Amino acid sequence: MPTTTIDGHRIQVDPEGFMTDPAEWSEPLAEALAAQIGLTLTDEHWKAIRFARQDFADQGESPTLRRASVVGGLPTKSLFALFPQKPAKKLAYVAGLPKPRGCV
């Protein structure tokens, strides 16, 4: 499995850069991951990240945009504002989760 170092953290990643071991994730690492894709995390970002991590723990897969909206109570428009262009993918990336199914 490929590894990379981000902000001093050595993590296992897949070929697209998504973390493969959610246990390696931490909040400081999330800040570094967000910075890599041009995001500065706010309380609203953290609400989405915490939902995604809990949903992954419960369901065994990263939430899709629809699931984050319907189950997480995070409006789709808000998710696009928080994680522009590819919200489910970017949310999973920052939350240290695998790429959601169905994302290209």
N, C-alpha and C. Protein backbone atom coordinates (compact mmCIF):
# COMPACT_ATOMS: atom_id res chain seq x y z
N MET A 1 0.85 -1.18 0.00
CA MET A 1 0.00 0.00 0.00
C MET A 1 0.89 1.24 0.00
N PRO A 2 0.63 2.19 -0.89
CA PRO A 2 1.44 3.41 -0.92
C PRO A 2 1.28 4.21 0.37
N THR A 3 2.30 4.95 0.72
CA THR A 3 2.23 5.85 1.87
C THR A 3 2.66 7.23 1.42
N THR A 4 2.26 8.22 2.20
CA THR A 4 2.66 9.60 1.95
C THR A 4 2.84 10.29 3.29
N THR A 5 3.52 11.39 3.29
CA THR A 5 3.68 12.18 4.52
C THR A 5 3.01 13.52 4.30
N ILE A 6 2.09 13.84 5.19
CA ILE A 6 1.37 15.11 5.13
C ILE A 6 1.54 15.79 6.47
N ASP A 7 2.14 16.96 6.45
CA ASP A 7 2.34 17.76 7.65
C ASP A 7 2.98 16.93 8.78
N GLY A 8 3.95 16.11 8.41
CA GLY A 8 4.66 15.29 9.38
C GLY A 8 3.97 14.00 9.76
N HIS A 9 2.81 13.73 9.20
CA HIS A 9 2.06 12.50 9.48
C HIS A 9 2.27 11.53 8.33
N ARG A 10 2.77 10.34 8.62
CA ARG A 10 2.94 9.31 7.59
C ARG A 10 1.66 8.48 7.56
N ILE A 11 1.00 8.46 6.40
CA ILE A 11 -0.29 7.76 6.28
C ILE A 11 -0.31 6.86 5.06
N GLN A 12 -1.15 5.82 5.15
CA GLN A 12 -1.35 4.92 4.02
C GLN A 12 -2.47 5.49 3.15
N VAL A 13 -2.23 5.48 1.84
CA VAL A 13 -3.21 6.04 0.90
C VAL A 13 -3.42 5.09 -0.27
N ASP A 14 -4.53 5.28 -0.96
CA ASP A 14 -4.77 4.53 -2.19
C ASP A 14 -4.13 5.32 -3.34
N PRO A 15 -4.19 4.80 -4.57
CA PRO A 15 -3.56 5.51 -5.70
C PRO A 15 -4.10 6.92 -5.95
N GLU A 16 -5.32 7.22 -5.46
CA GLU A 16 -5.89 8.56 -5.65
C GLU A 16 -5.60 9.49 -4.47
N GLY A 17 -4.93 8.98 -3.44
CA GLY A 17 -4.57 9.81 -2.30
C GLY A 17 -5.53 9.74 -1.12
N PHE A 18 -6.57 8.92 -1.21
CA PHE A 18 -7.50 8.77 -0.10
C PHE A 18 -6.89 7.85 0.95
N MET A 19 -7.07 8.20 2.21
CA MET A 19 -6.54 7.39 3.29
C MET A 19 -7.19 6.00 3.27
N THR A 20 -6.40 4.97 3.57
CA THR A 20 -6.93 3.61 3.57
C THR A 20 -7.15 3.09 4.98
N ASP A 21 -6.63 3.78 5.99
CA ASP A 21 -6.83 3.38 7.38
C ASP A 21 -7.37 4.57 8.16
N PRO A 22 -8.71 4.62 8.36
CA PRO A 22 -9.31 5.75 9.07
C PRO A 22 -8.75 5.95 10.48
N ALA A 23 -8.16 4.92 11.06
CA ALA A 23 -7.59 5.05 12.40
C ALA A 23 -6.35 5.95 12.42
N GLU A 24 -5.73 6.17 11.26
CA GLU A 24 -4.57 7.06 11.18
C GLU A 24 -4.96 8.54 11.18
N TRP A 25 -6.23 8.83 11.04
CA TRP A 25 -6.74 10.20 10.94
C TRP A 25 -6.72 10.89 12.30
N SER A 26 -6.54 12.19 12.27
CA SER A 26 -6.67 13.02 13.47
C SER A 26 -7.17 14.39 13.04
N GLU A 27 -7.64 15.18 13.98
CA GLU A 27 -8.12 16.51 13.63
C GLU A 27 -7.01 17.40 13.06
N PRO A 28 -5.80 17.38 13.64
CA PRO A 28 -4.73 18.17 13.02
C PRO A 28 -4.42 17.71 11.58
N LEU A 29 -4.51 16.40 11.35
CA LEU A 29 -4.28 15.90 9.99
C LEU A 29 -5.39 16.39 9.07
N ALA A 30 -6.62 16.44 9.56
CA ALA A 30 -7.74 16.95 8.75
C ALA A 30 -7.47 18.38 8.31
N GLU A 31 -6.93 19.19 9.20
CA GLU A 31 -6.59 20.58 8.86
C GLU A 31 -5.57 20.60 7.72
N ALA A 32 -4.57 19.72 7.80
CA ALA A 32 -3.54 19.66 6.76
C ALA A 32 -4.12 19.14 5.44
N LEU A 33 -4.98 18.13 5.51
CA LEU A 33 -5.61 17.61 4.29
C LEU A 33 -6.48 18.68 3.64
N ALA A 34 -7.22 19.42 4.45
CA ALA A 34 -8.08 20.49 3.93
C ALA A 34 -7.24 21.57 3.26
N ALA A 35 -6.13 21.93 3.88
CA ALA A 35 -5.26 22.97 3.31
C ALA A 35 -4.73 22.53 1.95
N GLN A 36 -4.48 21.23 1.79
CA GLN A 36 -3.97 20.73 0.51
C GLN A 36 -4.96 20.95 -0.63
N ILE A 37 -6.24 20.97 -0.31
CA ILE A 37 -7.24 21.17 -1.36
C ILE A 37 -7.86 22.57 -1.28
N GLY A 38 -7.18 23.47 -0.56
CA GLY A 38 -7.59 24.86 -0.54
C GLY A 38 -8.72 25.21 0.40
N LEU A 39 -8.94 24.41 1.43
CA LEU A 39 -10.02 24.68 2.38
C LEU A 39 -9.46 25.07 3.73
N THR A 40 -10.17 25.97 4.41
CA THR A 40 -9.92 26.30 5.81
C THR A 40 -11.16 25.84 6.56
N LEU A 41 -10.98 24.94 7.51
CA LEU A 41 -12.13 24.32 8.17
C LEU A 41 -12.81 25.25 9.16
N THR A 42 -14.14 25.27 9.07
CA THR A 42 -14.99 26.04 9.98
C THR A 42 -15.82 25.06 10.80
N ASP A 43 -16.62 25.59 11.71
CA ASP A 43 -17.51 24.73 12.51
C ASP A 43 -18.45 23.92 11.62
N GLU A 44 -18.90 24.51 10.52
CA GLU A 44 -19.79 23.79 9.59
C GLU A 44 -19.06 22.63 8.91
N HIS A 45 -17.79 22.85 8.54
CA HIS A 45 -17.00 21.76 7.98
C HIS A 45 -16.89 20.62 8.99
N TRP A 46 -16.60 20.98 10.25
CA TRP A 46 -16.42 19.96 11.28
C TRP A 46 -17.71 19.17 11.51
N LYS A 47 -18.85 19.83 11.41
CA LYS A 47 -20.14 19.12 11.55
C LYS A 47 -20.25 18.05 10.47
N ALA A 48 -19.92 18.41 9.24
CA ALA A 48 -19.97 17.45 8.13
C ALA A 48 -18.94 16.34 8.31
N ILE A 49 -17.73 16.70 8.74
CA ILE A 49 -16.67 15.71 8.93
C ILE A 49 -17.05 14.71 10.02
N ARG A 50 -17.57 15.22 11.12
CA ARG A 50 -17.96 14.32 12.22
C ARG A 50 -19.10 13.40 11.80
N PHE A 51 -20.06 13.94 11.02
CA PHE A 51 -21.11 13.07 10.50
C PHE A 51 -20.51 11.97 9.63
N ALA A 52 -19.63 12.36 8.70
CA ALA A 52 -19.06 11.39 7.76
C ALA A 52 -18.30 10.29 8.49
N ARG A 53 -17.52 10.66 9.49
CA ARG A 53 -16.74 9.65 10.23
C ARG A 53 -17.65 8.72 11.02
N GLN A 54 -18.68 9.27 11.64
CA GLN A 54 -19.61 8.43 12.40
C GLN A 54 -20.41 7.53 11.46
N ASP A 55 -20.84 8.08 10.34
CA ASP A 55 -21.60 7.28 9.37
C ASP A 55 -20.72 6.16 8.81
N PHE A 56 -19.45 6.45 8.55
CA PHE A 56 -18.53 5.41 8.09
C PHE A 56 -18.41 4.31 9.13
N ALA A 57 -18.29 4.70 10.40
CA ALA A 57 -18.17 3.71 11.48
C ALA A 57 -19.43 2.85 11.55
N ASP A 58 -20.60 3.46 11.31
CA ASP A 58 -21.87 2.73 11.38
C ASP A 58 -22.15 1.89 10.13
N GLN A 59 -21.82 2.42 8.95
CA GLN A 59 -22.21 1.80 7.68
C GLN A 59 -21.08 1.04 6.98
N GLY A 60 -19.84 1.36 7.32
CA GLY A 60 -18.71 0.68 6.69
C GLY A 60 -18.32 1.22 5.34
N GLU A 61 -18.89 2.36 4.95
CA GLU A 61 -18.50 3.02 3.71
C GLU A 61 -18.72 4.51 3.85
N SER A 62 -17.99 5.27 3.04
CA SER A 62 -18.10 6.73 3.09
C SER A 62 -19.48 7.17 2.60
N PRO A 63 -20.06 8.18 3.24
CA PRO A 63 -21.37 8.64 2.80
C PRO A 63 -21.32 9.32 1.44
N THR A 64 -22.35 9.06 0.66
CA THR A 64 -22.52 9.76 -0.62
C THR A 64 -23.09 11.14 -0.33
N LEU A 65 -23.14 11.98 -1.34
CA LEU A 65 -23.72 13.30 -1.19
C LEU A 65 -25.17 13.19 -0.72
N ARG A 66 -25.90 12.29 -1.32
CA ARG A 66 -27.31 12.12 -0.94
C ARG A 66 -27.45 11.69 0.51
N ARG A 67 -26.64 10.75 0.94
CA ARG A 67 -26.70 10.27 2.32
C ARG A 67 -26.33 11.39 3.31
N ALA A 68 -25.30 12.15 2.99
CA ALA A 68 -24.90 13.25 3.87
C ALA A 68 -26.03 14.27 3.99
N SER A 69 -26.75 14.47 2.90
CA SER A 69 -27.84 15.43 2.89
C SER A 69 -29.07 14.88 3.63
N VAL A 70 -29.50 13.67 3.27
CA VAL A 70 -30.73 13.11 3.83
C VAL A 70 -30.53 12.64 5.27
N VAL A 71 -29.53 11.82 5.50
CA VAL A 71 -29.31 11.25 6.83
C VAL A 71 -28.58 12.23 7.75
N GLY A 72 -27.60 12.92 7.20
CA GLY A 72 -26.80 13.84 8.01
C GLY A 72 -27.45 15.18 8.25
N GLY A 73 -28.52 15.47 7.50
CA GLY A 73 -29.19 16.75 7.66
C GLY A 73 -28.36 17.93 7.18
N LEU A 74 -27.46 17.65 6.25
CA LEU A 74 -26.59 18.69 5.70
C LEU A 74 -27.11 19.06 4.31
N PRO A 75 -27.72 20.21 4.16
CA PRO A 75 -28.29 20.57 2.85
C PRO A 75 -27.26 20.49 1.73
N THR A 76 -27.69 19.98 0.60
CA THR A 76 -26.81 19.82 -0.56
C THR A 76 -26.13 21.13 -0.93
N LYS A 77 -26.88 22.22 -0.93
CA LYS A 77 -26.30 23.52 -1.25
C LYS A 77 -25.17 23.88 -0.29
N SER A 78 -25.36 23.58 0.97
CA SER A 78 -24.34 23.87 1.98
C SER A 78 -23.10 23.02 1.74
N LEU A 79 -23.31 21.74 1.40
CA LEU A 79 -22.17 20.86 1.14
C LEU A 79 -21.36 21.35 -0.05
N PHE A 80 -22.04 21.84 -1.09
CA PHE A 80 -21.33 22.39 -2.25
C PHE A 80 -20.58 23.67 -1.87
N ALA A 81 -21.14 24.45 -0.95
CA ALA A 81 -20.45 25.67 -0.51
C ALA A 81 -19.22 25.32 0.34
N LEU A 82 -19.35 24.30 1.18
CA LEU A 82 -18.26 23.90 2.07
C LEU A 82 -17.15 23.17 1.33
N PHE A 83 -17.55 22.28 0.42
CA PHE A 83 -16.61 21.43 -0.32
C PHE A 83 -16.90 21.59 -1.82
N PRO A 84 -16.47 22.72 -2.42
CA PRO A 84 -16.84 23.05 -3.79
C PRO A 84 -16.50 21.98 -4.84
N GLN A 85 -17.38 21.89 -5.81
CA GLN A 85 -17.27 21.05 -7.01
C GLN A 85 -17.51 19.57 -6.76
N LYS A 86 -16.86 18.96 -5.81
CA LYS A 86 -17.04 17.53 -5.55
C LYS A 86 -17.18 17.31 -4.05
N PRO A 87 -18.33 17.69 -3.49
CA PRO A 87 -18.45 17.69 -2.03
C PRO A 87 -18.26 16.33 -1.36
N ALA A 88 -18.84 15.27 -1.88
CA ALA A 88 -18.71 13.96 -1.22
C ALA A 88 -17.26 13.48 -1.23
N LYS A 89 -16.60 13.68 -2.34
CA LYS A 89 -15.20 13.28 -2.47
C LYS A 89 -14.30 14.08 -1.54
N LYS A 90 -14.48 15.38 -1.56
CA LYS A 90 -13.65 16.25 -0.72
C LYS A 90 -13.92 16.02 0.76
N LEU A 91 -15.18 15.81 1.11
CA LEU A 91 -15.54 15.51 2.50
C LEU A 91 -14.86 14.23 2.95
N ALA A 92 -14.94 13.19 2.15
CA ALA A 92 -14.30 11.92 2.50
C ALA A 92 -12.78 12.09 2.62
N TYR A 93 -12.18 12.84 1.71
CA TYR A 93 -10.73 13.06 1.73
C TYR A 93 -10.30 13.71 3.04
N VAL A 94 -10.97 14.80 3.41
CA VAL A 94 -10.61 15.53 4.63
C VAL A 94 -10.94 14.71 5.88
N ALA A 95 -11.99 13.91 5.81
CA ALA A 95 -12.39 13.08 6.96
C ALA A 95 -11.54 11.81 7.09
N GLY A 96 -10.61 11.61 6.16
CA GLY A 96 -9.72 10.45 6.23
C GLY A 96 -10.40 9.15 5.89
N LEU A 97 -11.37 9.21 4.98
CA LEU A 97 -12.16 8.04 4.61
C LEU A 97 -11.90 7.66 3.14
N PRO A 98 -12.27 6.43 2.76
CA PRO A 98 -12.15 6.03 1.37
C PRO A 98 -13.08 6.87 0.47
N LYS A 99 -12.76 6.94 -0.79
CA LYS A 99 -13.61 7.64 -1.75
C LYS A 99 -15.00 7.01 -1.75
N PRO A 100 -16.07 7.80 -1.71
CA PRO A 100 -17.42 7.25 -1.72
C PRO A 100 -17.69 6.46 -3.01
N ARG A 101 -18.50 5.44 -2.89
CA ARG A 101 -18.90 4.66 -4.07
C ARG A 101 -19.65 5.56 -5.02
N GLY A 102 -19.43 5.34 -6.29
CA GLY A 102 -20.12 6.12 -7.32
C GLY A 102 -19.41 7.40 -7.70
N CYS A 103 -18.40 7.80 -6.94
CA CYS A 103 -17.64 9.02 -7.29
C CYS A 103 -16.60 8.65 -8.33
N VAL A 104 -16.49 9.48 -9.35
CA VAL A 104 -15.49 9.24 -10.39
C VAL A 104 -14.26 10.08 -10.17
